[in-house]
Amino acid sequence: KTIVDRAVTLSGTDAGSIFYYRPKMGRFELG
């Protein structure tokens, strides 16, 4: 949460998110 908040602020973007990768399923899920 700290990383995403600071990334959005410093990049001047409107939103940010981190997605976890699950290699066994070949899928992503929202963090």
mmCIF file of all heavy atoms, coordinates in Angstrom:
data_MODEL
# 
_entry.id   MODEL 
# 
loop_
_atom_site.group_PDB 
_atom_site.id 
_atom_site.type_symbol 
_atom_site.label_atom_id 
_atom_site.label_alt_id 
_atom_site.label_comp_id 
_atom_site.label_asym_id 
_atom_site.label_entity_id 
_atom_site.label_seq_id 
_atom_site.pdbx_PDB_ins_code 
_atom_site.Cartn_x 
_atom_site.Cartn_y 
_atom_site.Cartn_z 
_atom_site.occupancy 
_atom_site.B_iso_or_equiv 
_atom_site.pdbx_formal_charge 
_atom_site.auth_seq_id 
_atom_site.auth_comp_id 
_atom_site.auth_asym_id 
_atom_site.auth_atom_id 
_atom_site.pdbx_PDB_model_num 
ATOM 1   N N   . LYS A 1 1  ? 0.840  -1.204  0.000   1.00 0.00 ? 1  LYS A N   1 
ATOM 2   C CA  . LYS A 1 1  ? 0.000  0.000   0.000   1.00 0.00 ? 1  LYS A CA  1 
ATOM 3   C C   . LYS A 1 1  ? 0.871  1.249   0.000   1.00 0.00 ? 1  LYS A C   1 
ATOM 4   O O   . LYS A 1 1  ? 0.589  2.230   -0.708  1.00 0.00 ? 1  LYS A O   1 
ATOM 5   C CB  . LYS A 1 1  ? -0.915 -0.022  1.223   1.00 0.00 ? 1  LYS A CB  1 
ATOM 6   C CG  . LYS A 1 1  ? -1.836 1.193   1.334   1.00 0.00 ? 1  LYS A CG  1 
ATOM 7   C CD  . LYS A 1 1  ? -2.791 1.302   0.159   1.00 0.00 ? 1  LYS A CD  1 
ATOM 8   C CE  . LYS A 1 1  ? -3.762 2.451   0.356   1.00 0.00 ? 1  LYS A CE  1 
ATOM 9   N NZ  . LYS A 1 1  ? -4.580 2.712   -0.844  1.00 0.00 ? 1  LYS A NZ  1 
ATOM 10  N N   . THR A 1 2  ? 1.946  1.230   0.788   1.00 0.00 ? 2  THR A N   1 
ATOM 11  C CA  . THR A 1 2  ? 2.875  2.359   0.803   1.00 0.00 ? 2  THR A CA  1 
ATOM 12  C C   . THR A 1 2  ? 3.492  2.567   -0.569  1.00 0.00 ? 2  THR A C   1 
ATOM 13  O O   . THR A 1 2  ? 3.603  3.701   -1.060  1.00 0.00 ? 2  THR A O   1 
ATOM 14  C CB  . THR A 1 2  ? 3.991  2.112   1.839   1.00 0.00 ? 2  THR A CB  1 
ATOM 15  O OG1 . THR A 1 2  ? 3.406  1.957   3.134   1.00 0.00 ? 2  THR A OG1 1 
ATOM 16  C CG2 . THR A 1 2  ? 4.978  3.264   1.873   1.00 0.00 ? 2  THR A CG2 1 
ATOM 17  N N   . ILE A 1 3  ? 3.900  1.484   -1.207  1.00 0.00 ? 3  ILE A N   1 
ATOM 18  C CA  . ILE A 1 3  ? 4.523  1.570   -2.526  1.00 0.00 ? 3  ILE A CA  1 
ATOM 19  C C   . ILE A 1 3  ? 3.554  2.151   -3.552  1.00 0.00 ? 3  ILE A C   1 
ATOM 20  O O   . ILE A 1 3  ? 3.903  3.056   -4.320  1.00 0.00 ? 3  ILE A O   1 
ATOM 21  C CB  . ILE A 1 3  ? 5.020  0.178   -2.963  1.00 0.00 ? 3  ILE A CB  1 
ATOM 22  C CG1 . ILE A 1 3  ? 6.210  -0.253  -2.098  1.00 0.00 ? 3  ILE A CG1 1 
ATOM 23  C CG2 . ILE A 1 3  ? 5.417  0.178   -4.441  1.00 0.00 ? 3  ILE A CG2 1 
ATOM 24  C CD1 . ILE A 1 3  ? 6.660  -1.674  -2.328  1.00 0.00 ? 3  ILE A CD1 1 
ATOM 25  N N   . VAL A 1 4  ? 2.341  1.645   -3.584  1.00 0.00 ? 4  VAL A N   1 
ATOM 26  C CA  . VAL A 1 4  ? 1.368  2.111   -4.574  1.00 0.00 ? 4  VAL A CA  1 
ATOM 27  C C   . VAL A 1 4  ? 1.022  3.583   -4.360  1.00 0.00 ? 4  VAL A C   1 
ATOM 28  O O   . VAL A 1 4  ? 0.976  4.375   -5.311  1.00 0.00 ? 4  VAL A O   1 
ATOM 29  C CB  . VAL A 1 4  ? 0.091  1.238   -4.534  1.00 0.00 ? 4  VAL A CB  1 
ATOM 30  C CG1 . VAL A 1 4  ? -0.973 1.810   -5.439  1.00 0.00 ? 4  VAL A CG1 1 
ATOM 31  C CG2 . VAL A 1 4  ? 0.411  -0.184  -4.958  1.00 0.00 ? 4  VAL A CG2 1 
ATOM 32  N N   . ASP A 1 5  ? 0.790  3.968   -3.111  1.00 0.00 ? 5  ASP A N   1 
ATOM 33  C CA  . ASP A 1 5  ? 0.450  5.364   -2.819  1.00 0.00 ? 5  ASP A CA  1 
ATOM 34  C C   . ASP A 1 5  ? 1.559  6.301   -3.270  1.00 0.00 ? 5  ASP A C   1 
ATOM 35  O O   . ASP A 1 5  ? 1.304  7.334   -3.918  1.00 0.00 ? 5  ASP A O   1 
ATOM 36  C CB  . ASP A 1 5  ? 0.199  5.549   -1.318  1.00 0.00 ? 5  ASP A CB  1 
ATOM 37  C CG  . ASP A 1 5  ? -1.124 4.938   -0.872  1.00 0.00 ? 5  ASP A CG  1 
ATOM 38  O OD1 . ASP A 1 5  ? -1.965 4.663   -1.744  1.00 0.00 ? 5  ASP A OD1 1 
ATOM 39  O OD2 . ASP A 1 5  ? -1.303 4.726   0.343   1.00 0.00 ? 5  ASP A OD2 1 
ATOM 40  N N   . ARG A 1 6  ? 2.810  5.984   -2.929  1.00 0.00 ? 6  ARG A N   1 
ATOM 41  C CA  . ARG A 1 6  ? 3.917  6.847   -3.295  1.00 0.00 ? 6  ARG A CA  1 
ATOM 42  C C   . ARG A 1 6  ? 4.151  6.835   -4.807  1.00 0.00 ? 6  ARG A C   1 
ATOM 43  O O   . ARG A 1 6  ? 4.516  7.859   -5.391  1.00 0.00 ? 6  ARG A O   1 
ATOM 44  C CB  . ARG A 1 6  ? 5.189  6.409   -2.569  1.00 0.00 ? 6  ARG A CB  1 
ATOM 45  C CG  . ARG A 1 6  ? 5.096  6.491   -1.056  1.00 0.00 ? 6  ARG A CG  1 
ATOM 46  C CD  . ARG A 1 6  ? 4.828  7.908   -0.602  1.00 0.00 ? 6  ARG A CD  1 
ATOM 47  N NE  . ARG A 1 6  ? 5.986  8.778   -0.794  1.00 0.00 ? 6  ARG A NE  1 
ATOM 48  C CZ  . ARG A 1 6  ? 5.931  10.079  -0.932  1.00 0.00 ? 6  ARG A CZ  1 
ATOM 49  N NH1 . ARG A 1 6  ? 4.756  10.691  -0.932  1.00 0.00 ? 6  ARG A NH1 1 
ATOM 50  N NH2 . ARG A 1 6  ? 7.026  10.797  -1.092  1.00 0.00 ? 6  ARG A NH2 1 
ATOM 51  N N   . ALA A 1 7  ? 3.949  5.701   -5.449  1.00 0.00 ? 7  ALA A N   1 
ATOM 52  C CA  . ALA A 1 7  ? 4.136  5.619   -6.899  1.00 0.00 ? 7  ALA A CA  1 
ATOM 53  C C   . ALA A 1 7  ? 3.151  6.523   -7.629  1.00 0.00 ? 7  ALA A C   1 
ATOM 54  O O   . ALA A 1 7  ? 3.515  7.237   -8.574  1.00 0.00 ? 7  ALA A O   1 
ATOM 55  C CB  . ALA A 1 7  ? 3.985  4.183   -7.358  1.00 0.00 ? 7  ALA A CB  1 
ATOM 56  N N   . VAL A 1 8  ? 1.902  6.512   -7.219  1.00 0.00 ? 8  VAL A N   1 
ATOM 57  C CA  . VAL A 1 8  ? 0.882  7.357   -7.848  1.00 0.00 ? 8  VAL A CA  1 
ATOM 58  C C   . VAL A 1 8  ? 1.223  8.833   -7.659  1.00 0.00 ? 8  VAL A C   1 
ATOM 59  O O   . VAL A 1 8  ? 1.138  9.641   -8.592  1.00 0.00 ? 8  VAL A O   1 
ATOM 60  C CB  . VAL A 1 8  ? -0.509 7.027   -7.277  1.00 0.00 ? 8  VAL A CB  1 
ATOM 61  C CG1 . VAL A 1 8  ? -1.531 8.071   -7.710  1.00 0.00 ? 8  VAL A CG1 1 
ATOM 62  C CG2 . VAL A 1 8  ? -0.946 5.642   -7.722  1.00 0.00 ? 8  VAL A CG2 1 
ATOM 63  N N   . THR A 1 9  ? 1.624  9.189   -6.431  1.00 0.00 ? 9  THR A N   1 
ATOM 64  C CA  . THR A 1 9  ? 1.937  10.597  -6.147  1.00 0.00 ? 9  THR A CA  1 
ATOM 65  C C   . THR A 1 9  ? 3.112  11.089  -6.986  1.00 0.00 ? 9  THR A C   1 
ATOM 66  O O   . THR A 1 9  ? 3.038  12.150  -7.616  1.00 0.00 ? 9  THR A O   1 
ATOM 67  C CB  . THR A 1 9  ? 2.261  10.765  -4.652  1.00 0.00 ? 9  THR A CB  1 
ATOM 68  O OG1 . THR A 1 9  ? 1.133  10.361  -3.873  1.00 0.00 ? 9  THR A OG1 1 
ATOM 69  C CG2 . THR A 1 9  ? 2.599  12.210  -4.332  1.00 0.00 ? 9  THR A CG2 1 
ATOM 70  N N   . LEU A 1 10 ? 4.200  10.323  -7.018  1.00 0.00 ? 10 LEU A N   1 
ATOM 71  C CA  . LEU A 1 10 ? 5.404  10.786  -7.699  1.00 0.00 ? 10 LEU A CA  1 
ATOM 72  C C   . LEU A 1 10 ? 5.296  10.712  -9.222  1.00 0.00 ? 10 LEU A C   1 
ATOM 73  O O   . LEU A 1 10 ? 5.950  11.476  -9.921  1.00 0.00 ? 10 LEU A O   1 
ATOM 74  C CB  . LEU A 1 10 ? 6.611  9.972   -7.227  1.00 0.00 ? 10 LEU A CB  1 
ATOM 75  C CG  . LEU A 1 10 ? 7.061  10.263  -5.795  1.00 0.00 ? 10 LEU A CG  1 
ATOM 76  C CD1 . LEU A 1 10 ? 8.169  9.322   -5.387  1.00 0.00 ? 10 LEU A CD1 1 
ATOM 77  C CD2 . LEU A 1 10 ? 7.539  11.695  -5.664  1.00 0.00 ? 10 LEU A CD2 1 
ATOM 78  N N   . SER A 1 11 ? 4.495  9.793   -9.735  1.00 0.00 ? 11 SER A N   1 
ATOM 79  C CA  . SER A 1 11 ? 4.367  9.665   -11.189 1.00 0.00 ? 11 SER A CA  1 
ATOM 80  C C   . SER A 1 11 ? 3.361  10.646  -11.767 1.00 0.00 ? 11 SER A C   1 
ATOM 81  O O   . SER A 1 11 ? 3.256  10.801  -12.983 1.00 0.00 ? 11 SER A O   1 
ATOM 82  C CB  . SER A 1 11 ? 3.962  8.239   -11.562 1.00 0.00 ? 11 SER A CB  1 
ATOM 83  O OG  . SER A 1 11 ? 2.671  7.934   -11.045 1.00 0.00 ? 11 SER A OG  1 
ATOM 84  N N   . GLY A 1 12 ? 2.590  11.319  -10.896 1.00 0.00 ? 12 GLY A N   1 
ATOM 85  C CA  . GLY A 1 12 ? 1.576  12.237  -11.367 1.00 0.00 ? 12 GLY A CA  1 
ATOM 86  C C   . GLY A 1 12 ? 0.417  11.549  -12.061 1.00 0.00 ? 12 GLY A C   1 
ATOM 87  O O   . GLY A 1 12 ? -0.284 12.161  -12.874 1.00 0.00 ? 12 GLY A O   1 
ATOM 88  N N   . THR A 1 13 ? 0.196  10.296  -11.746 1.00 0.00 ? 13 THR A N   1 
ATOM 89  C CA  . THR A 1 13 ? -0.907 9.544   -12.346 1.00 0.00 ? 13 THR A CA  1 
ATOM 90  C C   . THR A 1 13 ? -2.134 9.623   -11.447 1.00 0.00 ? 13 THR A C   1 
ATOM 91  O O   . THR A 1 13 ? -2.099 10.168  -10.344 1.00 0.00 ? 13 THR A O   1 
ATOM 92  C CB  . THR A 1 13 ? -0.498 8.082   -12.578 1.00 0.00 ? 13 THR A CB  1 
ATOM 93  O OG1 . THR A 1 13 ? 0.055  7.539   -11.373 1.00 0.00 ? 13 THR A OG1 1 
ATOM 94  C CG2 . THR A 1 13 ? 0.555  7.989   -13.679 1.00 0.00 ? 13 THR A CG2 1 
ATOM 95  N N   . ASP A 1 14 ? -3.224 9.040   -11.934 1.00 0.00 ? 14 ASP A N   1 
ATOM 96  C CA  . ASP A 1 14 ? -4.487 9.127   -11.198 1.00 0.00 ? 14 ASP A CA  1 
ATOM 97  C C   . ASP A 1 14 ? -4.758 7.916   -10.323 1.00 0.00 ? 14 ASP A C   1 
ATOM 98  O O   . ASP A 1 14 ? -5.527 8.004   -9.357  1.00 0.00 ? 14 ASP A O   1 
ATOM 99  C CB  . ASP A 1 14 ? -5.645 9.286   -12.193 1.00 0.00 ? 14 ASP A CB  1 
ATOM 100 C CG  . ASP A 1 14 ? -5.510 10.563  -13.010 1.00 0.00 ? 14 ASP A CG  1 
ATOM 101 O OD1 . ASP A 1 14 ? -5.377 11.637  -12.393 1.00 0.00 ? 14 ASP A OD1 1 
ATOM 102 O OD2 . ASP A 1 14 ? -5.519 10.480  -14.246 1.00 0.00 ? 14 ASP A OD2 1 
ATOM 103 N N   . ALA A 1 15 ? -4.172 6.785   -10.659 1.00 0.00 ? 15 ALA A N   1 
ATOM 104 C CA  . ALA A 1 15 ? -4.461 5.559   -9.897  1.00 0.00 ? 15 ALA A CA  1 
ATOM 105 C C   . ALA A 1 15 ? -3.315 4.575   -10.081 1.00 0.00 ? 15 ALA A C   1 
ATOM 106 O O   . ALA A 1 15 ? -2.515 4.676   -11.011 1.00 0.00 ? 15 ALA A O   1 
ATOM 107 C CB  . ALA A 1 15 ? -5.778 4.932   -10.348 1.00 0.00 ? 15 ALA A CB  1 
ATOM 108 N N   . GLY A 1 16 ? -3.268 3.620   -9.177  1.00 0.00 ? 16 GLY A N   1 
ATOM 109 C CA  . GLY A 1 16 ? -2.250 2.584   -9.261  1.00 0.00 ? 16 GLY A CA  1 
ATOM 110 C C   . GLY A 1 16 ? -2.723 1.314   -8.580  1.00 0.00 ? 16 GLY A C   1 
ATOM 111 O O   . GLY A 1 16 ? -3.638 1.334   -7.755  1.00 0.00 ? 16 GLY A O   1 
ATOM 112 N N   . SER A 1 17 ? -2.091 0.212   -8.923  1.00 0.00 ? 17 SER A N   1 
ATOM 113 C CA  . SER A 1 17 ? -2.448 -1.074  -8.314  1.00 0.00 ? 17 SER A CA  1 
ATOM 114 C C   . SER A 1 17 ? -1.314 -2.061  -8.499  1.00 0.00 ? 17 SER A C   1 
ATOM 115 O O   . SER A 1 17 ? -0.449 -1.888  -9.360  1.00 0.00 ? 17 SER A O   1 
ATOM 116 C CB  . SER A 1 17 ? -3.740 -1.629  -8.934  1.00 0.00 ? 17 SER A CB  1 
ATOM 117 O OG  . SER A 1 17 ? -3.598 -1.735  -10.340 1.00 0.00 ? 17 SER A OG  1 
ATOM 118 N N   . ILE A 1 18 ? -1.334 -3.073  -7.661  1.00 0.00 ? 18 ILE A N   1 
ATOM 119 C CA  . ILE A 1 18 ? -0.385 -4.179  -7.788  1.00 0.00 ? 18 ILE A CA  1 
ATOM 120 C C   . ILE A 1 18 ? -1.193 -5.450  -8.004  1.00 0.00 ? 18 ILE A C   1 
ATOM 121 O O   . ILE A 1 18 ? -2.163 -5.723  -7.281  1.00 0.00 ? 18 ILE A O   1 
ATOM 122 C CB  . ILE A 1 18 ? 0.504  -4.299  -6.544  1.00 0.00 ? 18 ILE A CB  1 
ATOM 123 C CG1 . ILE A 1 18 ? 1.562  -3.184  -6.562  1.00 0.00 ? 18 ILE A CG1 1 
ATOM 124 C CG2 . ILE A 1 18 ? 1.186  -5.659  -6.482  1.00 0.00 ? 18 ILE A CG2 1 
ATOM 125 C CD1 . ILE A 1 18 ? 2.505  -3.209  -5.391  1.00 0.00 ? 18 ILE A CD1 1 
ATOM 126 N N   . PHE A 1 19 ? -0.799 -6.201  -9.021  1.00 0.00 ? 19 PHE A N   1 
ATOM 127 C CA  . PHE A 1 19 ? -1.437 -7.479  -9.324  1.00 0.00 ? 19 PHE A CA  1 
ATOM 128 C C   . PHE A 1 19 ? -0.454 -8.602  -9.009  1.00 0.00 ? 19 PHE A C   1 
ATOM 129 O O   . PHE A 1 19 ? 0.706  -8.560  -9.429  1.00 0.00 ? 19 PHE A O   1 
ATOM 130 C CB  . PHE A 1 19 ? -1.845 -7.548  -10.800 1.00 0.00 ? 19 PHE A CB  1 
ATOM 131 C CG  . PHE A 1 19 ? -3.041 -6.709  -11.145 1.00 0.00 ? 19 PHE A CG  1 
ATOM 132 C CD1 . PHE A 1 19 ? -2.905 -5.356  -11.425 1.00 0.00 ? 19 PHE A CD1 1 
ATOM 133 C CD2 . PHE A 1 19 ? -4.308 -7.277  -11.188 1.00 0.00 ? 19 PHE A CD2 1 
ATOM 134 C CE1 . PHE A 1 19 ? -3.997 -4.574  -11.748 1.00 0.00 ? 19 PHE A CE1 1 
ATOM 135 C CE2 . PHE A 1 19 ? -5.416 -6.494  -11.505 1.00 0.00 ? 19 PHE A CE2 1 
ATOM 136 C CZ  . PHE A 1 19 ? -5.264 -5.150  -11.789 1.00 0.00 ? 19 PHE A CZ  1 
ATOM 137 N N   . TYR A 1 20 ? -0.930 -9.610  -8.264  1.00 0.00 ? 20 TYR A N   1 
ATOM 138 C CA  . TYR A 1 20 ? -0.111 -10.793 -7.973  1.00 0.00 ? 20 TYR A CA  1 
ATOM 139 C C   . TYR A 1 20 ? -0.204 -11.772 -9.137  1.00 0.00 ? 20 TYR A C   1 
ATOM 140 O O   . TYR A 1 20 ? -1.290 -11.989 -9.686  1.00 0.00 ? 20 TYR A O   1 
ATOM 141 C CB  . TYR A 1 20 ? -0.580 -11.493 -6.696  1.00 0.00 ? 20 TYR A CB  1 
ATOM 142 C CG  . TYR A 1 20 ? -0.650 -10.604 -5.480  1.00 0.00 ? 20 TYR A CG  1 
ATOM 143 C CD1 . TYR A 1 20 ? -1.787 -10.590 -4.677  1.00 0.00 ? 20 TYR A CD1 1 
ATOM 144 C CD2 . TYR A 1 20 ? 0.414  -9.793  -5.122  1.00 0.00 ? 20 TYR A CD2 1 
ATOM 145 C CE1 . TYR A 1 20 ? -1.863 -9.786  -3.552  1.00 0.00 ? 20 TYR A CE1 1 
ATOM 146 C CE2 . TYR A 1 20 ? 0.346  -8.983  -4.003  1.00 0.00 ? 20 TYR A CE2 1 
ATOM 147 C CZ  . TYR A 1 20 ? -0.790 -8.986  -3.214  1.00 0.00 ? 20 TYR A CZ  1 
ATOM 148 O OH  . TYR A 1 20 ? -0.859 -8.192  -2.116  1.00 0.00 ? 20 TYR A OH  1 
ATOM 149 N N   . TYR A 1 21 ? 0.920  -12.383 -9.453  1.00 0.00 ? 21 TYR A N   1 
ATOM 150 C CA  . TYR A 1 21 ? 0.928  -13.392 -10.515 1.00 0.00 ? 21 TYR A CA  1 
ATOM 151 C C   . TYR A 1 21 ? 0.934  -14.778 -9.890  1.00 0.00 ? 21 TYR A C   1 
ATOM 152 O O   . TYR A 1 21 ? 1.748  -15.071 -9.006  1.00 0.00 ? 21 TYR A O   1 
ATOM 153 C CB  . TYR A 1 21 ? 2.159  -13.209 -11.400 1.00 0.00 ? 21 TYR A CB  1 
ATOM 154 C CG  . TYR A 1 21 ? 2.257  -14.232 -12.523 1.00 0.00 ? 21 TYR A CG  1 
ATOM 155 C CD1 . TYR A 1 21 ? 1.207  -14.396 -13.417 1.00 0.00 ? 21 TYR A CD1 1 
ATOM 156 C CD2 . TYR A 1 21 ? 3.392  -15.017 -12.671 1.00 0.00 ? 21 TYR A CD2 1 
ATOM 157 C CE1 . TYR A 1 21 ? 1.291  -15.326 -14.443 1.00 0.00 ? 21 TYR A CE1 1 
ATOM 158 C CE2 . TYR A 1 21 ? 3.487  -15.947 -13.704 1.00 0.00 ? 21 TYR A CE2 1 
ATOM 159 C CZ  . TYR A 1 21 ? 2.431  -16.104 -14.577 1.00 0.00 ? 21 TYR A CZ  1 
ATOM 160 O OH  . TYR A 1 21 ? 2.513  -17.023 -15.585 1.00 0.00 ? 21 TYR A OH  1 
ATOM 161 N N   . ARG A 1 22 ? 0.015  -15.629 -10.341 1.00 0.00 ? 22 ARG A N   1 
ATOM 162 C CA  . ARG A 1 22 ? -0.071 -17.010 -9.868  1.00 0.00 ? 22 ARG A CA  1 
ATOM 163 C C   . ARG A 1 22 ? 0.396  -17.930 -10.994 1.00 0.00 ? 22 ARG A C   1 
ATOM 164 O O   . ARG A 1 22 ? -0.387 -18.284 -11.878 1.00 0.00 ? 22 ARG A O   1 
ATOM 165 C CB  . ARG A 1 22 ? -1.500 -17.362 -9.449  1.00 0.00 ? 22 ARG A CB  1 
ATOM 166 C CG  . ARG A 1 22 ? -2.134 -16.396 -8.442  1.00 0.00 ? 22 ARG A CG  1 
ATOM 167 C CD  . ARG A 1 22 ? -1.315 -16.247 -7.200  1.00 0.00 ? 22 ARG A CD  1 
ATOM 168 N NE  . ARG A 1 22 ? -1.963 -15.403 -6.188  1.00 0.00 ? 22 ARG A NE  1 
ATOM 169 C CZ  . ARG A 1 22 ? -1.332 -14.872 -5.163  1.00 0.00 ? 22 ARG A CZ  1 
ATOM 170 N NH1 . ARG A 1 22 ? -0.020 -15.070 -5.029  1.00 0.00 ? 22 ARG A NH1 1 
ATOM 171 N NH2 . ARG A 1 22 ? -1.985 -14.116 -4.289  1.00 0.00 ? 22 ARG A NH2 1 
ATOM 172 N N   . PRO A 1 23 ? 1.681  -18.296 -11.010 1.00 0.00 ? 23 PRO A N   1 
ATOM 173 C CA  . PRO A 1 23 ? 2.237  -19.028 -12.150 1.00 0.00 ? 23 PRO A CA  1 
ATOM 174 C C   . PRO A 1 23 ? 1.587  -20.383 -12.404 1.00 0.00 ? 23 PRO A C   1 
ATOM 175 O O   . PRO A 1 23 ? 1.475  -20.800 -13.558 1.00 0.00 ? 23 PRO A O   1 
ATOM 176 C CB  . PRO A 1 23 ? 3.725  -19.179 -11.784 1.00 0.00 ? 23 PRO A CB  1 
ATOM 177 C CG  . PRO A 1 23 ? 3.794  -18.987 -10.299 1.00 0.00 ? 23 PRO A CG  1 
ATOM 178 C CD  . PRO A 1 23 ? 2.695  -18.042 -9.964  1.00 0.00 ? 23 PRO A CD  1 
ATOM 179 N N   . LYS A 1 24 ? 1.167  -21.079 -11.354 1.00 0.00 ? 24 LYS A N   1 
ATOM 180 C CA  . LYS A 1 24 ? 0.566  -22.399 -11.557 1.00 0.00 ? 24 LYS A CA  1 
ATOM 181 C C   . LYS A 1 24 ? -0.726 -22.313 -12.352 1.00 0.00 ? 24 LYS A C   1 
ATOM 182 O O   . LYS A 1 24 ? -1.074 -23.236 -13.094 1.00 0.00 ? 24 LYS A O   1 
ATOM 183 C CB  . LYS A 1 24 ? 0.315  -23.077 -10.213 1.00 0.00 ? 24 LYS A CB  1 
ATOM 184 C CG  . LYS A 1 24 ? 1.598  -23.460 -9.469  1.00 0.00 ? 24 LYS A CG  1 
ATOM 185 C CD  . LYS A 1 24 ? 1.278  -24.194 -8.172  1.00 0.00 ? 24 LYS A CD  1 
ATOM 186 C CE  . LYS A 1 24 ? 2.547  -24.605 -7.455  1.00 0.00 ? 24 LYS A CE  1 
ATOM 187 N NZ  . LYS A 1 24 ? 2.260  -25.328 -6.183  1.00 0.00 ? 24 LYS A NZ  1 
ATOM 188 N N   . MET A 1 25 ? -1.443 -21.207 -12.184 1.00 0.00 ? 25 MET A N   1 
ATOM 189 C CA  . MET A 1 25 ? -2.705 -21.029 -12.894 1.00 0.00 ? 25 MET A CA  1 
ATOM 190 C C   . MET A 1 25 ? -2.555 -20.133 -14.115 1.00 0.00 ? 25 MET A C   1 
ATOM 191 O O   . MET A 1 25 ? -3.482 -20.038 -14.925 1.00 0.00 ? 25 MET A O   1 
ATOM 192 C CB  . MET A 1 25 ? -3.756 -20.443 -11.944 1.00 0.00 ? 25 MET A CB  1 
ATOM 193 C CG  . MET A 1 25 ? -4.059 -21.313 -10.736 1.00 0.00 ? 25 MET A CG  1 
ATOM 194 S SD  . MET A 1 25 ? -5.304 -20.563 -9.649  1.00 0.00 ? 25 MET A SD  1 
ATOM 195 C CE  . MET A 1 25 ? -4.394 -19.149 -9.021  1.00 0.00 ? 25 MET A CE  1 
ATOM 196 N N   . GLY A 1 26 ? -1.402 -19.446 -14.224 1.00 0.00 ? 26 GLY A N   1 
ATOM 197 C CA  . GLY A 1 26 ? -1.225 -18.507 -15.330 1.00 0.00 ? 26 GLY A CA  1 
ATOM 198 C C   . GLY A 1 26 ? -2.200 -17.345 -15.240 1.00 0.00 ? 26 GLY A C   1 
ATOM 199 O O   . GLY A 1 26 ? -2.666 -16.834 -16.251 1.00 0.00 ? 26 GLY A O   1 
ATOM 200 N N   . ARG A 1 27 ? -2.511 -16.907 -14.014 1.00 0.00 ? 27 ARG A N   1 
ATOM 201 C CA  . ARG A 1 27 ? -3.509 -15.881 -13.791 1.00 0.00 ? 27 ARG A CA  1 
ATOM 202 C C   . ARG A 1 27 ? -2.965 -14.781 -12.887 1.00 0.00 ? 27 ARG A C   1 
ATOM 203 O O   . ARG A 1 27 ? -2.003 -14.971 -12.147 1.00 0.00 ? 27 ARG A O   1 
ATOM 204 C CB  . ARG A 1 27 ? -4.760 -16.477 -13.125 1.00 0.00 ? 27 ARG A CB  1 
ATOM 205 C CG  . ARG A 1 27 ? -5.521 -17.488 -13.989 1.00 0.00 ? 27 ARG A CG  1 
ATOM 206 C CD  . ARG A 1 27 ? -6.253 -16.769 -15.109 1.00 0.00 ? 27 ARG A CD  1 
ATOM 207 N NE  . ARG A 1 27 ? -7.174 -17.623 -15.820 1.00 0.00 ? 27 ARG A NE  1 
ATOM 208 C CZ  . ARG A 1 27 ? -6.861 -18.423 -16.838 1.00 0.00 ? 27 ARG A CZ  1 
ATOM 209 N NH1 . ARG A 1 27 ? -5.594 -18.508 -17.226 1.00 0.00 ? 27 ARG A NH1 1 
ATOM 210 N NH2 . ARG A 1 27 ? -7.773 -19.139 -17.453 1.00 0.00 ? 27 ARG A NH2 1 
ATOM 211 N N   . PHE A 1 28 ? -3.603 -13.609 -12.974 1.00 0.00 ? 28 PHE A N   1 
ATOM 212 C CA  . PHE A 1 28 ? -3.296 -12.490 -12.085 1.00 0.00 ? 28 PHE A CA  1 
ATOM 213 C C   . PHE A 1 28 ? -4.495 -12.236 -11.173 1.00 0.00 ? 28 PHE A C   1 
ATOM 214 O O   . PHE A 1 28 ? -5.642 -12.480 -11.563 1.00 0.00 ? 28 PHE A O   1 
ATOM 215 C CB  . PHE A 1 28 ? -3.024 -11.206 -12.885 1.00 0.00 ? 28 PHE A CB  1 
ATOM 216 C CG  . PHE A 1 28 ? -1.715 -11.204 -13.613 1.00 0.00 ? 28 PHE A CG  1 
ATOM 217 C CD1 . PHE A 1 28 ? -1.639 -11.678 -14.919 1.00 0.00 ? 28 PHE A CD1 1 
ATOM 218 C CD2 . PHE A 1 28 ? -0.559 -10.734 -13.008 1.00 0.00 ? 28 PHE A CD2 1 
ATOM 219 C CE1 . PHE A 1 28 ? -0.430 -11.674 -15.604 1.00 0.00 ? 28 PHE A CE1 1 
ATOM 220 C CE2 . PHE A 1 28 ? 0.646  -10.725 -13.676 1.00 0.00 ? 28 PHE A CE2 1 
ATOM 221 C CZ  . PHE A 1 28 ? 0.719  -11.190 -14.984 1.00 0.00 ? 28 PHE A CZ  1 
ATOM 222 N N   . GLU A 1 29 ? -4.194 -11.720 -9.974  1.00 0.00 ? 29 GLU A N   1 
ATOM 223 C CA  . GLU A 1 29 ? -5.276 -11.276 -9.099  1.00 0.00 ? 29 GLU A CA  1 
ATOM 224 C C   . GLU A 1 29 ? -4.873 -9.957  -8.443  1.00 0.00 ? 29 GLU A C   1 
ATOM 225 O O   . GLU A 1 29 ? -3.691 -9.707  -8.187  1.00 0.00 ? 29 GLU A O   1 
ATOM 226 C CB  . GLU A 1 29 ? -5.609 -12.321 -8.034  1.00 0.00 ? 29 GLU A CB  1 
ATOM 227 C CG  . GLU A 1 29 ? -4.505 -12.650 -7.067  1.00 0.00 ? 29 GLU A CG  1 
ATOM 228 C CD  . GLU A 1 29 ? -4.925 -13.714 -6.065  1.00 0.00 ? 29 GLU A CD  1 
ATOM 229 O OE1 . GLU A 1 29 ? -5.372 -14.792 -6.503  1.00 0.00 ? 29 GLU A OE1 1 
ATOM 230 O OE2 . GLU A 1 29 ? -4.803 -13.448 -4.851  1.00 0.00 ? 29 GLU A OE2 1 
ATOM 231 N N   . LEU A 1 30 ? -5.863 -9.126  -8.191  1.00 0.00 ? 30 LEU A N   1 
ATOM 232 C CA  . LEU A 1 30 ? -5.624 -7.780  -7.687  1.00 0.00 ? 30 LEU A CA  1 
ATOM 233 C C   . LEU A 1 30 ? -5.132 -7.807  -6.252  1.00 0.00 ? 30 LEU A C   1 
ATOM 234 O O   . LEU A 1 30 ? -5.654 -8.531  -5.413  1.00 0.00 ? 30 LEU A O   1 
ATOM 235 C CB  . LEU A 1 30 ? -6.914 -6.957  -7.789  1.00 0.00 ? 30 LEU A CB  1 
ATOM 236 C CG  . LEU A 1 30 ? -6.829 -5.496  -7.352  1.00 0.00 ? 30 LEU A CG  1 
ATOM 237 C CD1 . LEU A 1 30 ? -5.880 -4.717  -8.261  1.00 0.00 ? 30 LEU A CD1 1 
ATOM 238 C CD2 . LEU A 1 30 ? -8.213 -4.862  -7.340  1.00 0.00 ? 30 LEU A CD2 1 
ATOM 239 N N   . GLY A 1 31 ? -4.115 -6.948  -5.991  1.00 0.00 ? 31 GLY A N   1 
ATOM 240 C CA  . GLY A 1 31 ? -3.606 -6.778  -4.635  1.00 0.00 ? 31 GLY A CA  1 
ATOM 241 C C   . GLY A 1 31 ? -3.994 -5.425  -4.077  1.00 0.00 ? 31 GLY A C   1 
ATOM 242 O O   . GLY A 1 31 ? -5.172 -5.096  -3.994  1.00 0.00 ? 31 GLY A O   1 
# 
